[in-house]
Amino acid sequence: MTARWVVDEVAPERELEINWKSISLYFKNEIDDTDSPVYKTHQLLRVFEAIKAAEGNEAAQAFYWECGRQIHHDGRRDDLTTEDLLEAAGLDVAYASAMDDAATWDPVIEDAMNEGLALAGDDIGTPIITFDNSLGERVGYFGPVITRVPDTQSSLDLWDGLIMISTVPGFWELKRTRTERPDFGPRP
């Protein structure tokens, strides 16, 4: 939901250039079970990074969006193949071979993840947003975690607030208990 918020509502109005980076909860949470659903998403990150390296950020976003559509909107998990995702995103199904190429893609994923964690801290999860604030400092935050994409004005208010608090010395954290499940809205 945070990705949709930034891309669909904020980026066009604030002229943001988004550079997608990976974070692997498989690595972050030190999971060693390759039967875990978290490992499956880690394998998809390998594919994401292979696409990004070969075709750039826009193609990687197309793959990421297709994963979200089919997993969250369509509820496909057990019958979903990486080839299905690639084909639906208009990408070469040969990228599926990256799923099992840990030697090439795991260091890339770890580097991207560590870059975000260095800015936001290691006691967090995903998403991480990083940017240069108005003081010229590179900052990173965990979140915002949102359950649905706000309307455009609320989205911009949320973004502008995030930018503003990044300039306050000593500010570290906001949090409240989640009281609703994600609402993915209509299928994009």
Protein backbone atom coordinates (compact mmCIF):
# COMPACT_ATOMS: atom_id res chain seq x y z
CA MET A 1 0.00 0.00 0.00
CA THR A 2 2.87 2.35 0.74
CA ALA A 3 4.30 1.78 -2.74
CA ARG A 4 0.93 2.53 -4.36
CA TRP A 5 0.60 5.65 -2.18
CA VAL A 6 3.97 7.03 -3.22
CA VAL A 7 3.77 6.08 -6.91
CA ASP A 8 0.11 6.81 -7.65
CA GLU A 9 -0.63 9.78 -5.43
CA VAL A 10 2.58 11.49 -4.31
CA ALA A 11 5.16 11.12 -7.08
CA PRO A 12 3.14 12.89 -9.81
CA GLU A 13 2.38 15.85 -7.54
CA ARG A 14 5.82 16.17 -5.94
CA GLU A 15 7.86 15.25 -9.04
CA LEU A 16 9.57 12.35 -7.27
CA GLU A 17 11.93 9.99 -9.01
CA ILE A 18 11.55 6.60 -7.37
CA ASN A 19 14.47 4.20 -7.21
CA TRP A 20 13.30 0.77 -6.05
CA LYS A 21 15.53 -1.15 -3.64
CA SER A 22 15.10 -4.57 -2.10
CA ILE A 23 14.64 -5.56 1.51
CA SER A 24 14.54 -9.25 2.28
CA LEU A 25 12.70 -10.33 5.40
CA TYR A 26 14.25 -13.73 4.79
CA PHE A 27 17.68 -12.18 5.44
CA LYS A 28 16.53 -9.55 7.91
CA ASN A 29 14.76 -12.04 10.18
CA GLU A 30 17.46 -14.69 9.65
CA ILE A 31 15.04 -17.36 8.46
CA ASP A 32 16.75 -20.55 7.34
CA ASP A 33 13.70 -22.48 6.15
CA THR A 34 13.52 -22.64 2.34
CA ASP A 35 9.94 -23.95 2.64
CA SER A 36 8.87 -20.65 4.23
CA PRO A 37 6.64 -18.31 2.20
CA VAL A 38 9.20 -15.62 3.09
CA TYR A 39 11.80 -17.58 1.08
CA LYS A 40 9.48 -17.51 -1.94
CA THR A 41 9.29 -13.73 -1.76
CA HIS A 42 13.08 -13.65 -1.39
CA GLN A 43 13.36 -15.61 -4.62
CA LEU A 44 11.07 -13.06 -6.29
CA LEU A 45 13.47 -10.34 -5.10
CA ARG A 46 16.24 -12.11 -7.02
CA VAL A 47 14.09 -11.91 -10.14
CA PHE A 48 13.30 -8.25 -9.38
CA GLU A 49 17.02 -7.45 -9.11
CA ALA A 50 17.83 -9.32 -12.33
CA ILE A 51 15.16 -7.31 -14.15
CA LYS A 52 16.38 -4.05 -12.65
CA ALA A 53 19.99 -4.77 -13.61
CA ALA A 54 19.09 -5.62 -17.19
CA GLU A 55 16.19 -3.28 -17.95
CA GLY A 56 16.10 -0.63 -15.24
CA ASN A 57 13.84 0.67 -12.55
CA GLU A 58 10.67 0.94 -14.65
CA ALA A 59 10.72 -2.72 -15.70
CA ALA A 60 11.44 -3.78 -12.11
CA GLN A 61 8.42 -1.76 -10.97
CA ALA A 62 6.26 -3.46 -13.60
CA PHE A 63 7.24 -6.84 -12.14
CA TYR A 64 6.66 -5.63 -8.58
CA TRP A 65 3.23 -4.27 -9.54
CA GLU A 66 2.30 -7.57 -11.18
CA CYS A 67 3.32 -9.47 -8.05
CA GLY A 68 1.03 -7.19 -6.01
CA ARG A 69 -1.88 -7.55 -8.43
CA GLN A 70 -1.78 -11.31 -8.58
CA ILE A 71 -0.90 -12.03 -4.95
CA HIS A 72 -2.94 -9.38 -3.14
CA HIS A 73 -5.79 -8.55 -5.53
CA ASP A 74 -6.29 -11.93 -7.16
CA GLY A 75 -5.37 -14.02 -4.12
CA ARG A 76 -3.04 -16.24 -6.14
CA ARG A 77 -0.29 -17.90 -4.16
CA ASP A 78 -0.18 -21.66 -4.55
CA ASP A 79 -0.81 -21.79 -8.30
CA LEU A 80 1.23 -18.71 -9.18
CA THR A 81 4.48 -19.17 -11.07
CA THR A 82 7.21 -16.66 -11.64
CA GLU A 83 6.81 -17.22 -15.36
CA ASP A 84 3.12 -16.20 -15.02
CA LEU A 85 4.16 -12.99 -13.29
CA LEU A 86 6.85 -12.18 -15.85
CA GLU A 87 4.58 -12.86 -18.80
CA ALA A 88 1.77 -10.75 -17.33
CA ALA A 89 4.25 -7.90 -16.74
CA GLY A 90 5.40 -8.10 -20.36
CA LEU A 91 8.86 -9.33 -19.41
CA ASP A 92 11.01 -12.19 -20.65
CA VAL A 93 10.21 -15.40 -18.75
CA ALA A 94 13.95 -16.20 -18.82
CA TYR A 95 14.29 -13.91 -15.77
CA ALA A 96 12.73 -16.73 -13.74
CA SER A 97 16.15 -18.41 -13.70
CA ALA A 98 17.29 -15.72 -11.25
CA MET A 99 15.08 -17.30 -8.56
CA ASP A 100 17.74 -19.89 -7.77
CA ASP A 101 20.81 -17.72 -8.47
CA ALA A 102 21.79 -16.85 -4.92
CA ALA A 103 25.44 -16.25 -5.81
CA THR A 104 24.61 -13.40 -8.18
CA TRP A 105 21.55 -11.76 -6.61
CA ASP A 106 21.75 -12.28 -2.84
CA PRO A 107 24.72 -9.87 -2.46
CA VAL A 108 22.79 -7.25 -4.46
CA ILE A 109 19.74 -7.72 -2.22
CA GLU A 110 21.85 -7.54 0.94
CA ASP A 111 23.61 -4.36 -0.21
CA ALA A 112 20.29 -2.65 -0.99
CA MET A 113 18.78 -3.79 2.29
CA ASN A 114 21.79 -2.70 4.32
CA GLU A 115 21.70 0.74 2.68
CA GLY A 116 18.14 1.27 3.90
CA LEU A 117 18.82 -0.19 7.34
CA ALA A 118 21.87 2.07 7.76
CA LEU A 119 19.56 5.08 7.40
CA ALA A 120 16.47 3.82 9.22
CA GLY A 121 17.89 1.40 11.81
CA ASP A 122 17.85 -2.36 12.09
CA ASP A 123 14.91 -2.78 14.48
CA ILE A 124 12.38 -2.22 11.70
CA GLY A 125 10.71 -4.02 8.82
CA THR A 126 9.40 -2.97 5.46
CA PRO A 127 8.73 -0.54 3.83
CA ILE A 128 11.69 1.79 4.16
CA ILE A 129 11.57 5.18 2.47
CA THR A 130 14.77 7.17 2.04
CA PHE A 131 15.22 10.67 0.66
CA ASP A 132 17.27 13.85 0.98
CA ASN A 133 15.45 16.24 3.28
CA SER A 134 15.37 20.04 2.99
CA LEU A 135 18.54 20.27 5.11
CA GLY A 136 20.40 18.18 2.55
CA GLU A 137 20.58 15.16 4.86
CA ARG A 138 19.96 11.63 3.58
CA VAL A 139 17.31 10.14 5.89
CA GLY A 140 15.35 6.92 6.06
CA TYR A 141 12.17 5.83 7.77
CA PHE A 142 10.35 2.60 8.33
CA GLY A 143 6.88 3.21 6.95
CA PRO A 144 4.51 4.72 6.76
CA VAL A 145 2.52 1.54 7.16
CA ILE A 146 -0.92 2.27 5.74
CA THR A 147 -3.88 -0.02 5.22
CA ARG A 148 -5.20 1.80 2.13
CA VAL A 149 -4.10 4.54 -0.23
CA PRO A 150 -5.47 7.89 0.97
CA ASP A 151 -7.09 10.36 -1.42
CA THR A 152 -4.68 12.68 -3.19
CA GLN A 153 -4.81 15.57 -0.71
CA SER A 154 -4.43 13.28 2.31
CA SER A 155 -1.59 11.49 0.53
CA LEU A 156 0.22 14.77 -0.05
CA ASP A 157 -0.38 15.86 3.55
CA LEU A 158 1.10 12.57 4.77
CA TRP A 159 4.13 12.95 2.48
CA ASP A 160 4.70 16.58 3.43
CA GLY A 161 4.48 15.64 7.12
CA LEU A 162 7.06 12.90 6.63
CA ILE A 163 9.36 15.38 4.93
CA MET A 164 8.81 17.94 7.71
CA ILE A 165 9.54 15.61 10.63
CA SER A 166 12.78 14.55 8.97
CA THR A 167 14.21 17.99 9.82
CA VAL A 168 13.34 17.88 13.54
CA PRO A 169 16.44 17.10 15.63
CA GLY A 170 15.92 14.14 17.92
CA PHE A 171 12.75 12.85 16.24
CA TRP A 172 12.76 9.04 15.99
CA GLU A 173 9.43 7.27 16.03
CA LEU A 174 5.65 7.40 15.74
CA LYS A 175 3.46 4.34 16.13
CA ARG A 176 -0.08 3.29 16.90
CA THR A 177 -1.82 -0.06 16.97
CA ARG A 178 -3.28 -1.21 13.67
CA THR A 179 -7.04 -1.61 13.92
CA GLU A 180 -7.92 -2.65 10.36
CA ARG A 181 -6.67 -5.05 7.75
CA PRO A 182 -5.24 -3.82 4.45
CA ASP A 183 -7.76 -2.73 1.84
CA PHE A 184 -6.04 -3.11 -1.51
CA GLY A 185 -8.81 -1.30 -3.37
CA PRO A 186 -9.63 -2.06 -6.99
CA ARG A 187 -7.19 -4.12 -9.01
CA PRO A 188 -4.80 -1.71 -10.76
